[in-house]
PDB file of N, CA and C in Angstrom:
ATOM      1  N   MET A   1     148.782-101.192  -0.335  1.00  0.00           N
ATOM      2  CA  MET A   1     150.148-101.846   0.117  1.00  0.00           C
ATOM      3  C   MET A   1     149.527-103.347   1.709  1.00  0.00           C
ATOM      4  N   ALA A   2     150.040-103.350   2.049  1.00  0.00           N
ATOM      5  CA  ALA A   2     149.640-104.269   3.038  1.00  0.00           C
ATOM      6  C   ALA A   2     150.076-103.927   4.706  1.00  0.00           C
ATOM      7  N   GLN A   3     148.816-104.053   5.449  1.00  0.00           N
ATOM      8  CA  GLN A   3     148.992-103.027   6.982  1.00  0.00           C
ATOM      9  C   GLN A   3     148.639-104.059   8.581  1.00  0.00           C
ATOM     10  N   ALA A   4     150.369-104.099   9.002  1.00  0.00           N
ATOM     11  CA  ALA A   4     150.005-105.278   9.495  1.00  0.00           C
ATOM     12  C   ALA A   4     149.649-104.239  11.305  1.00  0.00           C
ATOM     13  N   TYR A   5     149.895-104.937  12.006  1.00  0.00           N
ATOM     14  CA  TYR A   5     150.017-104.513  13.665  1.00  0.00           C
ATOM     15  C   TYR A   5     150.571-104.459  14.489  1.00  0.00           C
ATOM     16  N   CYS A   6     151.197-103.556  15.071  1.00  0.00           N
ATOM     17  CA  CYS A   6     152.163-103.612  15.393  1.00  0.00           C
ATOM     18  C   CYS A   6     152.962-103.272  16.739  1.00  0.00           C
ATOM     19  N   VAL A   7     153.289-103.992  18.300  1.00  0.00           N
ATOM     20  CA  VAL A   7     153.348-104.445  19.398  1.00  0.00           C
ATOM     21  C   VAL A   7     153.449-103.538  20.142  1.00  0.00           C
ATOM     22  N   LYS A   8     154.731-102.829  19.359  1.00  0.00           N
ATOM     23  CA  LYS A   8     155.380-101.901  19.724  1.00  0.00           C
ATOM     24  C   LYS A   8     155.094-100.368  19.051  1.00  0.00           C
ATOM     25  N   CYS A   9     154.403 -99.884  18.488  1.00  0.00           N
ATOM     26  CA  CYS A   9     153.878 -98.819  18.436  1.00  0.00           C
ATOM     27  C   CYS A   9     151.705 -98.530  18.761  1.00  0.00           C
ATOM     28  N   ARG A  10     151.511-100.085  18.772  1.00  0.00           N
ATOM     29  CA  ARG A  10     150.891 -99.915  19.705  1.00  0.00           C
ATOM     30  C   ARG A  10     149.840 -99.365  17.996  1.00  0.00           C
ATOM     31  N   LYS A  11     150.054 -99.822  16.340  1.00  0.00           N
ATOM     32  CA  LYS A  11     148.668 -99.130  15.648  1.00  0.00           C
ATOM     33  C   LYS A  11     149.133 -99.580  14.943  1.00  0.00           C
ATOM     34  N   LYS A  12     147.869 -99.685  13.910  1.00  0.00           N
ATOM     35  CA  LYS A  12     148.377-100.178  12.687  1.00  0.00           C
ATOM     36  C   LYS A  12     149.172 -99.753  11.107  1.00  0.00           C
ATOM     37  N   VAL A  13     150.366-100.310  10.777  1.00  0.00           N
ATOM     38  CA  VAL A  13     151.354 -99.502  10.152  1.00  0.00           C
ATOM     39  C   VAL A  13     151.159-100.827   8.648  1.00  0.00           C
ATOM     40  N   GLU A  14     151.393-100.197   7.718  1.00  0.00           N
ATOM     41  CA  GLU A  14     151.690-100.550   6.356  1.00  0.00           C
ATOM     42  C   GLU A  14     153.421-101.753   6.430  1.00  0.00           C
ATOM     43  N   ILE A  15     153.232-102.398   6.428  1.00  0.00           N
ATOM     44  CA  ILE A  15     154.135-103.467   5.598  1.00  0.00           C
ATOM     45  C   ILE A  15     155.500-102.316   4.686  1.00  0.00           C
ATOM     46  N   LYS A  16     156.823-102.765   5.475  1.00  0.00           N
ATOM     47  CA  LYS A  16     157.787-101.907   4.894  1.00  0.00           C
ATOM     48  C   LYS A  16     158.493-103.713   4.587  1.00  0.00           C
ATOM     49  N   ASN A  17     160.134-103.635   3.445  1.00  0.00           N
ATOM     50  CA  ASN A  17     159.682-104.591   3.112  1.00  0.00           C
ATOM     51  C   ASN A  17     158.573-106.285   3.123  1.00  0.00           C
ATOM     52  N   PRO A  18     158.140-105.690   2.966  1.00  0.00           N
ATOM     53  CA  PRO A  18     157.197-106.677   2.550  1.00  0.00           C
ATOM     54  C   PRO A  18     157.850-108.402   2.190  1.00  0.00           C
ATOM     55  N   LYS A  19     157.727-109.265   3.124  1.00  0.00           N
ATOM     56  CA  LYS A  19     157.842-111.021   2.366  1.00  0.00           C
ATOM     57  C   LYS A  19     156.256-111.375   2.097  1.00  0.00           C
ATOM     58  N   GLU A  20     156.498-112.511   0.584  1.00  0.00           N
ATOM     59  CA  GLU A  20     155.076-113.689   1.096  1.00  0.00           C
ATOM     60  C   GLU A  20     155.992-114.465   1.313  1.00  0.00           C
ATOM     61  N   VAL A  21     154.900-114.928   3.090  1.00  0.00           N
ATOM     62  CA  VAL A  21     155.487-116.154   3.231  1.00  0.00           C
ATOM     63  C   VAL A  21     154.007-118.076   3.108  1.00  0.00           C
ATOM     64  N   THR A  22     155.023-118.558   3.923  1.00  0.00           N
ATOM     65  CA  THR A  22     153.750-119.843   3.852  1.00  0.00           C
ATOM     66  C   THR A  22     153.874-120.513   5.005  1.00  0.00           C
ATOM     67  N   LEU A  23     152.539-120.707   5.678  1.00  0.00           N
ATOM     68  CA  LEU A  23     153.228-121.471   7.215  1.00  0.00           C
ATOM     69  C   LEU A  23     153.620-122.841   7.816  1.00  0.00           C
ATOM     70  N   LYS A  24     153.439-123.089   8.642  1.00  0.00           N
ATOM     71  CA  LYS A  24     153.431-124.912   8.170  1.00  0.00           C
ATOM     72  C   LYS A  24     152.602-125.871   7.874  1.00  0.00           C
ATOM     73  N   ASN A  25     151.678-125.306   8.517  1.00  0.00           N
ATOM     74  CA  ASN A  25     149.514-125.656   7.467  1.00  0.00           C
ATOM     75  C   ASN A  25     149.423-125.064   5.901  1.00  0.00           C
ATOM     76  N   LYS A  26     150.092-124.614   5.461  1.00  0.00           N
ATOM     77  CA  LYS A  26     150.131-123.473   3.838  1.00  0.00           C
ATOM     78  C   LYS A  26     148.990-122.973   4.547  1.00  0.00           C
ATOM     79  N   ARG A  27     149.909-122.326   4.427  1.00  0.00           N
ATOM     80  CA  ARG A  27     148.364-120.784   5.158  1.00  0.00           C
ATOM     81  C   ARG A  27     148.847-119.638   4.830  1.00  0.00           C
ATOM     82  N   PRO A  28     149.294-118.679   3.880  1.00  0.00           N
ATOM     83  CA  PRO A  28     149.825-117.440   3.093  1.00  0.00           C
ATOM     84  C   PRO A  28     149.471-116.527   4.426  1.00  0.00           C
ATOM     85  N   ALA A  29     151.003-115.649   4.250  1.00  0.00           N
ATOM     86  CA  ALA A  29     151.577-114.956   5.412  1.00  0.00           C
ATOM     87  C   ALA A  29     152.345-113.601   4.791  1.00  0.00           C
ATOM     88  N   THR A  30     152.095-112.150   5.345  1.00  0.00           N
ATOM     89  CA  THR A  30     152.803-112.004   4.905  1.00  0.00           C
ATOM     90  C   THR A  30     154.685-110.934   6.592  1.00  0.00           C
ATOM     91  N   SER A  31     154.986-111.277   6.272  1.00  0.00           N
ATOM     92  CA  SER A  31     156.294-110.630   7.252  1.00  0.00           C
ATOM     93  C   SER A  31     157.081-109.679   6.713  1.00  0.00           C
ATOM     94  N   GLY A  32     157.967-108.736   7.395  1.00  0.00           N
ATOM     95  CA  GLY A  32     158.329-107.430   7.531  1.00  0.00           C
ATOM     96  C   GLY A  32     158.148-106.619   8.429  1.00  0.00           C
ATOM     97  N   THR A  33     158.607-104.971   8.440  1.00  0.00           N
ATOM     98  CA  THR A  33     158.919-104.401   9.663  1.00  0.00           C
ATOM     99  C   THR A  33     158.546-103.009   9.408  1.00  0.00           C
ATOM    100  N   CYS A  34     158.003-102.644  11.290  1.00  0.00           N
ATOM    101  CA  CYS A  34     157.202-102.179  11.316  1.00  0.00           C
ATOM    102  C   CYS A  34     158.711 -99.886  10.442  1.00  0.00           C
ATOM    103  N   PRO A  35     157.771 -99.110   9.368  1.00  0.00           N
ATOM    104  CA  PRO A  35     158.745 -98.200   8.901  1.00  0.00           C
ATOM    105  C   PRO A  35     158.805 -97.218   9.823  1.00  0.00           C
ATOM    106  N   ASN A  36     158.502 -96.949  11.473  1.00  0.00           N
ATOM    107  CA  ASN A  36     158.356 -96.859  12.306  1.00  0.00           C
ATOM    108  C   ASN A  36     160.039 -96.343  13.283  1.00  0.00           C
ATOM    109  N   CYS A  37     159.605 -97.807  13.714  1.00  0.00           N
ATOM    110  CA  CYS A  37     160.374 -98.940  14.832  1.00  0.00           C
ATOM    111  C   CYS A  37     161.530 -99.855  14.635  1.00  0.00           C
ATOM    112  N   GLY A  38     161.767-100.913  13.963  1.00  0.00           N
ATOM    113  CA  GLY A  38     162.423-100.655  13.049  1.00  0.00           C
ATOM    114  C   GLY A  38     161.621-102.426  13.443  1.00  0.00           C
ATOM    115  N   THR A  39     160.714-103.073  14.009  1.00  0.00           N
ATOM    116  CA  THR A  39     160.401-104.299  14.114  1.00  0.00           C
ATOM    117  C   THR A  39     159.532-105.055  14.290  1.00  0.00           C
ATOM    118  N   LYS A  40     159.305-106.075  14.030  1.00  0.00           N
ATOM    119  CA  LYS A  40     159.170-107.174  13.492  1.00  0.00           C
ATOM    120  C   LYS A  40     157.629-106.903  13.024  1.00  0.00           C
ATOM    121  N   VAL A  41     156.357-107.569  11.748  1.00  0.00           N
ATOM    122  CA  VAL A  41     155.428-107.054  12.381  1.00  0.00           C
ATOM    123  C   VAL A  41     154.670-109.200  11.397  1.00  0.00           C
ATOM    124  N   PHE A  42     153.305-108.571  11.223  1.00  0.00           N
ATOM    125  CA  PHE A  42     153.197-109.757  10.492  1.00  0.00           C
ATOM    126  C   PHE A  42     151.401-110.403  10.738  1.00  0.00           C
ATOM    127  N   ARG A  43     151.697-110.906   9.193  1.00  0.00           N
ATOM    128  CA  ARG A  43     149.843-110.378   9.312  1.00  0.00           C
ATOM    129  C   ARG A  43     149.130-111.169   8.236  1.00  0.00           C
ATOM    130  N   ILE A  44     148.282-113.169   8.999  1.00  0.00           N
ATOM    131  CA  ILE A  44     148.845-113.639   8.771  1.00  0.00           C
ATOM    132  C   ILE A  44     147.305-113.608   7.392  1.00  0.00           C
ATOM    133  N   GLY A  45     147.261-114.058   5.988  1.00  0.00           N
ATOM    134  CA  GLY A  45     147.182-114.352   5.362  1.00  0.00           C
ATOM    135  C   GLY A  45     147.136-113.413   3.782  1.00  0.00           C
ATOM    136  N   LYS A  46     146.333-113.240   2.390  1.00  0.00           N
ATOM    137  CA  LYS A  46     146.053-113.000   1.832  1.00  0.00           C
ATOM    138  C   LYS A  46     147.236-111.237   1.470  1.00  0.00           C
ATOM    139  N   ALA A  47     147.693-111.043   1.028  1.00  0.00           N
ATOM    140  CA  ALA A  47     147.220-108.866   1.340  1.00  0.00           C
ATOM    141  C   ALA A  47     147.170-108.749   0.354  1.00  0.00           C
TER     142      ALA A  47
END
């Protein structure tokens, strides 16, 4: 699973409901939510 840093929890967490997205400059990224607090988390690069 993909991991991202949650700013609210201040630790790396597994991304819940990950979605593959493409940024404006055509770079791949992964977006989802934190399983602990529900905050949006984001990771640039392939998962």
